[in-house]
């Protein structure tokens, strides 16, 4: 956790991770077309 918000994943084109995101967040990325 950290106290200051940068931006939302909704504002990103691509996210590179080492393991799959949790299901709910994966669903949000689909909605955002991220």
ModelCIF file with pLDDT and N, C-alpha, C, O atoms, coordinates in Angstrom:
data_MODEL
#
_entry.id   MODEL 
#
_entity.id                         1 
_entity.type                       polymer 
_entity.pdbx_number_of_molecules   1 
#
_entity_poly.entity_id                      1 
_entity_poly.type                           'polypeptide(L)' 
_entity_poly.nstd_linkage                   no 
_entity_poly.nstd_monomer                   no 
_entity_poly.pdbx_seq_one_letter_code       
;(UNK)(UNK)(UNK)(UNK)(UNK)(UNK)(UNK)(UNK)(UNK)(UNK)(UNK)(UNK)(UNK)(UNK)(UNK)(UNK)
(UNK)(UNK)(UNK)(UNK)(UNK)(UNK)(UNK)(UNK)(UNK)(UNK)(UNK)(UNK)(UNK)(UNK)(UNK)(UNK)
(UNK)(UNK)
;
_entity_poly.pdbx_seq_one_letter_code_can   XXXXXXXXXXXXXXXXXXXXXXXXXXXXXXXXXX 
_entity_poly.pdbx_strand_id                 A 
#
loop_
_entity_poly_seq.entity_id 
_entity_poly_seq.num 
_entity_poly_seq.mon_id 
_entity_poly_seq.hetero 
1 1  UNK n 
1 2  UNK n 
1 3  UNK n 
1 4  UNK n 
1 5  UNK n 
1 6  UNK n 
1 7  UNK n 
1 8  UNK n 
1 9  UNK n 
1 10 UNK n 
1 11 UNK n 
1 12 UNK n 
1 13 UNK n 
1 14 UNK n 
1 15 UNK n 
1 16 UNK n 
1 17 UNK n 
1 18 UNK n 
1 19 UNK n 
1 20 UNK n 
1 21 UNK n 
1 22 UNK n 
1 23 UNK n 
1 24 UNK n 
1 25 UNK n 
1 26 UNK n 
1 27 UNK n 
1 28 UNK n 
1 29 UNK n 
1 30 UNK n 
1 31 UNK n 
1 32 UNK n 
1 33 UNK n 
1 34 UNK n 
#
_struct_asym.id          A 
_struct_asym.entity_id   1 
#
loop_
_ma_qa_metric.id 
_ma_qa_metric.mode 
_ma_qa_metric.name 
_ma_qa_metric.software_group_id 
_ma_qa_metric.type 
1 global pLDDT . pLDDT 
2 local  pLDDT . pLDDT 
#
_ma_qa_metric_global.metric_id      1 
_ma_qa_metric_global.metric_value   94.12 
_ma_qa_metric_global.model_id       1 
_ma_qa_metric_global.ordinal_id     1 
#
loop_
_ma_qa_metric_local.label_asym_id 
_ma_qa_metric_local.label_comp_id 
_ma_qa_metric_local.label_seq_id 
_ma_qa_metric_local.metric_id 
_ma_qa_metric_local.metric_value 
_ma_qa_metric_local.model_id 
_ma_qa_metric_local.ordinal_id 
A UNK 1  2 79.00 1 1  
A UNK 2  2 80.00 1 2  
A UNK 3  2 81.00 1 3  
A UNK 4  2 86.00 1 4  
A UNK 5  2 90.00 1 5  
A UNK 6  2 93.00 1 6  
A UNK 7  2 95.00 1 7  
A UNK 8  2 96.00 1 8  
A UNK 9  2 97.00 1 9  
A UNK 10 2 97.00 1 10 
A UNK 11 2 96.00 1 11 
A UNK 12 2 97.00 1 12 
A UNK 13 2 97.00 1 13 
A UNK 14 2 98.00 1 14 
A UNK 15 2 98.00 1 15 
A UNK 16 2 98.00 1 16 
A UNK 17 2 97.00 1 17 
A UNK 18 2 94.00 1 18 
A UNK 19 2 93.00 1 19 
A UNK 20 2 95.00 1 20 
A UNK 21 2 95.00 1 21 
A UNK 22 2 94.00 1 22 
A UNK 23 2 94.00 1 23 
A UNK 24 2 95.00 1 24 
A UNK 25 2 96.00 1 25 
A UNK 26 2 95.00 1 26 
A UNK 27 2 96.00 1 27 
A UNK 28 2 97.00 1 28 
A UNK 29 2 97.00 1 29 
A UNK 30 2 96.00 1 30 
A UNK 31 2 97.00 1 31 
A UNK 32 2 97.00 1 32 
A UNK 33 2 97.00 1 33 
A UNK 34 2 97.00 1 34 
#
loop_
_atom_site.group_PDB 
_atom_site.id 
_atom_site.type_symbol 
_atom_site.label_atom_id 
_atom_site.label_alt_id 
_atom_site.label_comp_id 
_atom_site.label_asym_id 
_atom_site.label_entity_id 
_atom_site.label_seq_id 
_atom_site.pdbx_PDB_ins_code 
_atom_site.Cartn_x 
_atom_site.Cartn_y 
_atom_site.Cartn_z 
_atom_site.occupancy 
_atom_site.B_iso_or_equiv 
_atom_site.pdbx_formal_charge 
_atom_site.auth_seq_id 
_atom_site.auth_comp_id 
_atom_site.auth_asym_id 
_atom_site.auth_atom_id 
_atom_site.pdbx_PDB_model_num 
ATOM 1   N N  . UNK A 1 1  ? 0.840   -1.188  0.000   1.00 79.00 ? 1  UNK A N  1 
ATOM 2   C CA . UNK A 1 1  ? 0.000   0.000   0.000   1.00 79.00 ? 1  UNK A CA 1 
ATOM 3   C C  . UNK A 1 1  ? 0.877   1.241   0.000   1.00 79.00 ? 1  UNK A C  1 
ATOM 4   O O  . UNK A 1 1  ? 1.998   1.221   0.508   1.00 79.00 ? 1  UNK A O  1 
ATOM 5   N N  . UNK A 1 2  ? 0.362   2.315   -0.570  1.00 80.00 ? 2  UNK A N  1 
ATOM 6   C CA . UNK A 1 2  ? 1.039   3.612   -0.559  1.00 80.00 ? 2  UNK A CA 1 
ATOM 7   C C  . UNK A 1 2  ? -0.046  4.688   -0.546  1.00 80.00 ? 2  UNK A C  1 
ATOM 8   O O  . UNK A 1 2  ? -1.161  4.432   -1.000  1.00 80.00 ? 2  UNK A O  1 
ATOM 9   N N  . UNK A 1 3  ? 0.251   5.880   -0.039  1.00 81.00 ? 3  UNK A N  1 
ATOM 10  C CA . UNK A 1 3  ? -0.814  6.849   0.231   1.00 81.00 ? 3  UNK A CA 1 
ATOM 11  C C  . UNK A 1 3  ? -1.234  7.748   -0.920  1.00 81.00 ? 3  UNK A C  1 
ATOM 12  O O  . UNK A 1 3  ? -2.271  8.406   -0.825  1.00 81.00 ? 3  UNK A O  1 
ATOM 13  N N  . UNK A 1 4  ? -0.456  7.802   -2.020  1.00 86.00 ? 4  UNK A N  1 
ATOM 14  C CA . UNK A 1 4  ? -0.736  8.788   -3.070  1.00 86.00 ? 4  UNK A CA 1 
ATOM 15  C C  . UNK A 1 4  ? -1.120  8.090   -4.371  1.00 86.00 ? 4  UNK A C  1 
ATOM 16  O O  . UNK A 1 4  ? -0.424  7.184   -4.829  1.00 86.00 ? 4  UNK A O  1 
ATOM 17  N N  . UNK A 1 5  ? -2.228  8.520   -4.956  1.00 90.00 ? 5  UNK A N  1 
ATOM 18  C CA . UNK A 1 5  ? -2.709  7.927   -6.207  1.00 90.00 ? 5  UNK A CA 1 
ATOM 19  C C  . UNK A 1 5  ? -2.001  8.554   -7.393  1.00 90.00 ? 5  UNK A C  1 
ATOM 20  O O  . UNK A 1 5  ? -1.866  9.775   -7.470  1.00 90.00 ? 5  UNK A O  1 
ATOM 21  N N  . UNK A 1 6  ? -1.546  7.708   -8.325  1.00 93.00 ? 6  UNK A N  1 
ATOM 22  C CA . UNK A 1 6  ? -0.943  8.212   -9.568  1.00 93.00 ? 6  UNK A CA 1 
ATOM 23  C C  . UNK A 1 6  ? -2.046  8.335   -10.622 1.00 93.00 ? 6  UNK A C  1 
ATOM 24  O O  . UNK A 1 6  ? -2.532  9.433   -10.889 1.00 93.00 ? 6  UNK A O  1 
ATOM 25  N N  . UNK A 1 7  ? -2.432  7.224   -11.211 1.00 95.00 ? 7  UNK A N  1 
ATOM 26  C CA . UNK A 1 7  ? -3.515  7.159   -12.190 1.00 95.00 ? 7  UNK A CA 1 
ATOM 27  C C  . UNK A 1 7  ? -4.183  5.804   -12.033 1.00 95.00 ? 7  UNK A C  1 
ATOM 28  O O  . UNK A 1 7  ? -3.767  4.995   -11.203 1.00 95.00 ? 7  UNK A O  1 
ATOM 29  N N  . UNK A 1 8  ? -5.213  5.555   -12.824 1.00 96.00 ? 8  UNK A N  1 
ATOM 30  C CA . UNK A 1 8  ? -5.881  4.259   -12.855 1.00 96.00 ? 8  UNK A CA 1 
ATOM 31  C C  . UNK A 1 8  ? -5.355  3.419   -14.007 1.00 96.00 ? 8  UNK A C  1 
ATOM 32  O O  . UNK A 1 8  ? -4.885  3.956   -15.009 1.00 96.00 ? 8  UNK A O  1 
ATOM 33  N N  . UNK A 1 9  ? -5.434  2.110   -13.866 1.00 97.00 ? 9  UNK A N  1 
ATOM 34  C CA . UNK A 1 9  ? -5.125  1.221   -14.983 1.00 97.00 ? 9  UNK A CA 1 
ATOM 35  C C  . UNK A 1 9  ? -6.005  1.518   -16.199 1.00 97.00 ? 9  UNK A C  1 
ATOM 36  O O  . UNK A 1 9  ? -5.634  1.186   -17.325 1.00 97.00 ? 9  UNK A O  1 
ATOM 37  N N  . UNK A 1 10 ? -7.145  2.128   -15.984 1.00 97.00 ? 10 UNK A N  1 
ATOM 38  C CA . UNK A 1 10 ? -8.034  2.473   -17.091 1.00 97.00 ? 10 UNK A CA 1 
ATOM 39  C C  . UNK A 1 10 ? -7.363  3.433   -18.060 1.00 97.00 ? 10 UNK A C  1 
ATOM 40  O O  . UNK A 1 10 ? -7.760  3.517   -19.222 1.00 97.00 ? 10 UNK A O  1 
ATOM 41  N N  . UNK A 1 11 ? -6.349  4.160   -17.597 1.00 96.00 ? 11 UNK A N  1 
ATOM 42  C CA . UNK A 1 11 ? -5.657  5.142   -18.428 1.00 96.00 ? 11 UNK A CA 1 
ATOM 43  C C  . UNK A 1 11 ? -4.437  4.557   -19.134 1.00 96.00 ? 11 UNK A C  1 
ATOM 44  O O  . UNK A 1 11 ? -3.714  5.270   -19.831 1.00 96.00 ? 11 UNK A O  1 
ATOM 45  N N  . UNK A 1 12 ? -4.215  3.262   -18.952 1.00 97.00 ? 12 UNK A N  1 
ATOM 46  C CA . UNK A 1 12 ? -3.048  2.608   -19.539 1.00 97.00 ? 12 UNK A CA 1 
ATOM 47  C C  . UNK A 1 12 ? -3.421  1.878   -20.831 1.00 97.00 ? 12 UNK A C  1 
ATOM 48  O O  . UNK A 1 12 ? -4.572  1.487   -21.028 1.00 97.00 ? 12 UNK A O  1 
ATOM 49  N N  . UNK A 1 13 ? -2.443  1.705   -21.691 1.00 97.00 ? 13 UNK A N  1 
ATOM 50  C CA . UNK A 1 13 ? -2.636  0.878   -22.878 1.00 97.00 ? 13 UNK A CA 1 
ATOM 51  C C  . UNK A 1 13 ? -2.322  -0.586  -22.583 1.00 97.00 ? 13 UNK A C  1 
ATOM 52  O O  . UNK A 1 13 ? -3.059  -1.480  -22.999 1.00 97.00 ? 13 UNK A O  1 
ATOM 53  N N  . UNK A 1 14 ? -1.214  -0.829  -21.856 1.00 98.00 ? 14 UNK A N  1 
ATOM 54  C CA . UNK A 1 14 ? -0.782  -2.200  -21.593 1.00 98.00 ? 14 UNK A CA 1 
ATOM 55  C C  . UNK A 1 14 ? -0.174  -2.289  -20.200 1.00 98.00 ? 14 UNK A C  1 
ATOM 56  O O  . UNK A 1 14 ? 0.527   -1.383  -19.749 1.00 98.00 ? 14 UNK A O  1 
ATOM 57  N N  . UNK A 1 15 ? -0.460  -3.403  -19.532 1.00 98.00 ? 15 UNK A N  1 
ATOM 58  C CA . UNK A 1 15 ? 0.130   -3.723  -18.238 1.00 98.00 ? 15 UNK A CA 1 
ATOM 59  C C  . UNK A 1 15 ? 0.953   -4.994  -18.405 1.00 98.00 ? 15 UNK A C  1 
ATOM 60  O O  . UNK A 1 15 ? 0.450   -6.004  -18.897 1.00 98.00 ? 15 UNK A O  1 
ATOM 61  N N  . UNK A 1 16 ? 2.209   -4.943  -17.998 1.00 98.00 ? 16 UNK A N  1 
ATOM 62  C CA . UNK A 1 16 ? 3.104   -6.105  -18.039 1.00 98.00 ? 16 UNK A CA 1 
ATOM 63  C C  . UNK A 1 16 ? 3.312   -6.589  -16.609 1.00 98.00 ? 16 UNK A C  1 
ATOM 64  O O  . UNK A 1 16 ? 3.819   -5.853  -15.763 1.00 98.00 ? 16 UNK A O  1 
ATOM 65  N N  . UNK A 1 17 ? 2.914   -7.841  -16.343 1.00 97.00 ? 17 UNK A N  1 
ATOM 66  C CA . UNK A 1 17 ? 3.026   -8.425  -15.004 1.00 97.00 ? 17 UNK A CA 1 
ATOM 67  C C  . UNK A 1 17 ? 3.652   -9.813  -15.109 1.00 97.00 ? 17 UNK A C  1 
ATOM 68  O O  . UNK A 1 17 ? 3.752   -10.389 -16.192 1.00 97.00 ? 17 UNK A O  1 
ATOM 69  N N  . UNK A 1 18 ? 4.071   -10.336 -13.951 1.00 94.00 ? 18 UNK A N  1 
ATOM 70  C CA . UNK A 1 18 ? 4.710   -11.652 -13.947 1.00 94.00 ? 18 UNK A CA 1 
ATOM 71  C C  . UNK A 1 18 ? 3.722   -12.788 -13.720 1.00 94.00 ? 18 UNK A C  1 
ATOM 72  O O  . UNK A 1 18 ? 4.011   -13.936 -14.056 1.00 94.00 ? 18 UNK A O  1 
ATOM 73  N N  . UNK A 1 19 ? 2.559   -12.479 -13.152 1.00 93.00 ? 19 UNK A N  1 
ATOM 74  C CA . UNK A 1 19 ? 1.525   -13.487 -12.919 1.00 93.00 ? 19 UNK A CA 1 
ATOM 75  C C  . UNK A 1 19 ? 0.166   -12.863 -13.216 1.00 93.00 ? 19 UNK A C  1 
ATOM 76  O O  . UNK A 1 19 ? 0.041   -11.638 -13.199 1.00 93.00 ? 19 UNK A O  1 
ATOM 77  N N  . UNK A 1 20 ? -0.862  -13.679 -13.489 1.00 95.00 ? 20 UNK A N  1 
ATOM 78  C CA . UNK A 1 20 ? -2.169  -13.117 -13.814 1.00 95.00 ? 20 UNK A CA 1 
ATOM 79  C C  . UNK A 1 20 ? -2.720  -12.229 -12.696 1.00 95.00 ? 20 UNK A C  1 
ATOM 80  O O  . UNK A 1 20 ? -2.518  -12.503 -11.513 1.00 95.00 ? 20 UNK A O  1 
ATOM 81  N N  . UNK A 1 21 ? -3.406  -11.180 -13.085 1.00 95.00 ? 21 UNK A N  1 
ATOM 82  C CA . UNK A 1 21 ? -4.086  -10.323 -12.121 1.00 95.00 ? 21 UNK A CA 1 
ATOM 83  C C  . UNK A 1 21 ? -5.273  -11.070 -11.519 1.00 95.00 ? 21 UNK A C  1 
ATOM 84  O O  . UNK A 1 21 ? -5.779  -12.009 -12.133 1.00 95.00 ? 21 UNK A O  1 
ATOM 85  N N  . UNK A 1 22 ? -5.729  -10.671 -10.319 1.00 94.00 ? 22 UNK A N  1 
ATOM 86  C CA . UNK A 1 22 ? -6.947  -11.273 -9.762  1.00 94.00 ? 22 UNK A CA 1 
ATOM 87  C C  . UNK A 1 22 ? -8.117  -11.138 -10.730 1.00 94.00 ? 22 UNK A C  1 
ATOM 88  O O  . UNK A 1 22 ? -8.160  -10.217 -11.545 1.00 94.00 ? 22 UNK A O  1 
ATOM 89  N N  . UNK A 1 23 ? -9.062  -12.065 -10.630 1.00 94.00 ? 23 UNK A N  1 
ATOM 90  C CA . UNK A 1 23 ? -10.165 -12.128 -11.585 1.00 94.00 ? 23 UNK A CA 1 
ATOM 91  C C  . UNK A 1 23 ? -10.933 -10.838 -11.744 1.00 94.00 ? 23 UNK A C  1 
ATOM 92  O O  . UNK A 1 23 ? -11.228 -10.428 -12.867 1.00 94.00 ? 23 UNK A O  1 
ATOM 93  N N  . UNK A 1 24 ? -11.267 -10.183 -10.627 1.00 95.00 ? 24 UNK A N  1 
ATOM 94  C CA . UNK A 1 24 ? -12.059 -8.954  -10.707 1.00 95.00 ? 24 UNK A CA 1 
ATOM 95  C C  . UNK A 1 24 ? -11.295 -7.846  -11.422 1.00 95.00 ? 24 UNK A C  1 
ATOM 96  O O  . UNK A 1 24 ? -11.866 -7.104  -12.221 1.00 95.00 ? 24 UNK A O  1 
ATOM 97  N N  . UNK A 1 25 ? -10.010 -7.741  -11.133 1.00 96.00 ? 25 UNK A N  1 
ATOM 98  C CA . UNK A 1 25 ? -9.202  -6.710  -11.778 1.00 96.00 ? 25 UNK A CA 1 
ATOM 99  C C  . UNK A 1 25 ? -8.974  -7.037  -13.252 1.00 96.00 ? 25 UNK A C  1 
ATOM 100 O O  . UNK A 1 25 ? -8.914  -6.131  -14.083 1.00 96.00 ? 25 UNK A O  1 
ATOM 101 N N  . UNK A 1 26 ? -8.847  -8.309  -13.580 1.00 95.00 ? 26 UNK A N  1 
ATOM 102 C CA . UNK A 1 26 ? -8.746  -8.719  -14.985 1.00 95.00 ? 26 UNK A CA 1 
ATOM 103 C C  . UNK A 1 26 ? -9.999  -8.304  -15.746 1.00 95.00 ? 26 UNK A C  1 
ATOM 104 O O  . UNK A 1 26 ? -9.920  -7.819  -16.874 1.00 95.00 ? 26 UNK A O  1 
ATOM 105 N N  . UNK A 1 27 ? -11.168 -8.503  -15.109 1.00 96.00 ? 27 UNK A N  1 
ATOM 106 C CA . UNK A 1 27 ? -12.422 -8.096  -15.730 1.00 96.00 ? 27 UNK A CA 1 
ATOM 107 C C  . UNK A 1 27 ? -12.492 -6.598  -15.967 1.00 96.00 ? 27 UNK A C  1 
ATOM 108 O O  . UNK A 1 27 ? -12.978 -6.150  -17.006 1.00 96.00 ? 27 UNK A O  1 
ATOM 109 N N  . UNK A 1 28 ? -12.005 -5.822  -15.004 1.00 97.00 ? 28 UNK A N  1 
ATOM 110 C CA . UNK A 1 28 ? -12.000 -4.369  -15.164 1.00 97.00 ? 28 UNK A CA 1 
ATOM 111 C C  . UNK A 1 28 ? -11.098 -3.951  -16.317 1.00 97.00 ? 28 UNK A C  1 
ATOM 112 O O  . UNK A 1 28 ? -11.443 -3.060  -17.093 1.00 97.00 ? 28 UNK A O  1 
ATOM 113 N N  . UNK A 1 29 ? -9.934  -4.602  -16.426 1.00 97.00 ? 29 UNK A N  1 
ATOM 114 C CA . UNK A 1 29 ? -9.031  -4.265  -17.525 1.00 97.00 ? 29 UNK A CA 1 
ATOM 115 C C  . UNK A 1 29 ? -9.685  -4.541  -18.878 1.00 97.00 ? 29 UNK A C  1 
ATOM 116 O O  . UNK A 1 29 ? -9.478  -3.792  -19.832 1.00 97.00 ? 29 UNK A O  1 
ATOM 117 N N  . UNK A 1 30 ? -10.472 -5.612  -18.962 1.00 96.00 ? 30 UNK A N  1 
ATOM 118 C CA . UNK A 1 30 ? -11.197 -5.887  -20.211 1.00 96.00 ? 30 UNK A CA 1 
ATOM 119 C C  . UNK A 1 30 ? -12.185 -4.749  -20.499 1.00 96.00 ? 30 UNK A C  1 
ATOM 120 O O  . UNK A 1 30 ? -12.291 -4.280  -21.633 1.00 96.00 ? 30 UNK A O  1 
ATOM 121 N N  . UNK A 1 31 ? -12.903 -4.314  -19.460 1.00 97.00 ? 31 UNK A N  1 
ATOM 122 C CA . UNK A 1 31 ? -13.866 -3.220  -19.642 1.00 97.00 ? 31 UNK A CA 1 
ATOM 123 C C  . UNK A 1 31 ? -13.162 -1.946  -20.095 1.00 97.00 ? 31 UNK A C  1 
ATOM 124 O O  . UNK A 1 31 ? -13.672 -1.216  -20.944 1.00 97.00 ? 31 UNK A O  1 
ATOM 125 N N  . UNK A 1 32 ? -12.003 -1.688  -19.533 1.00 97.00 ? 32 UNK A N  1 
ATOM 126 C CA . UNK A 1 32 ? -11.249 -0.476  -19.868 1.00 97.00 ? 32 UNK A CA 1 
ATOM 127 C C  . UNK A 1 32 ? -10.485 -0.606  -21.176 1.00 97.00 ? 32 UNK A C  1 
ATOM 128 O O  . UNK A 1 32 ? -9.938  0.377   -21.677 1.00 97.00 ? 32 UNK A O  1 
ATOM 129 N N  . UNK A 1 33 ? -10.442 -1.818  -21.736 1.00 97.00 ? 33 UNK A N  1 
ATOM 130 C CA . UNK A 1 33 ? -9.654  -2.117  -22.930 1.00 97.00 ? 33 UNK A CA 1 
ATOM 131 C C  . UNK A 1 33 ? -8.159  -1.888  -22.674 1.00 97.00 ? 33 UNK A C  1 
ATOM 132 O O  . UNK A 1 33 ? -7.413  -1.443  -23.546 1.00 97.00 ? 33 UNK A O  1 
ATOM 133 N N  . UNK A 1 34 ? -7.762  -2.210  -21.453 1.00 97.00 ? 34 UNK A N  1 
ATOM 134 C CA . UNK A 1 34 ? -6.352  -2.179  -21.080 1.00 97.00 ? 34 UNK A CA 1 
ATOM 135 C C  . UNK A 1 34 ? -5.785  -3.582  -21.265 1.00 97.00 ? 34 UNK A C  1 
ATOM 136 O O  . UNK A 1 34 ? -4.602  -3.809  -21.012 1.00 97.00 ? 34 UNK A O  1 
#
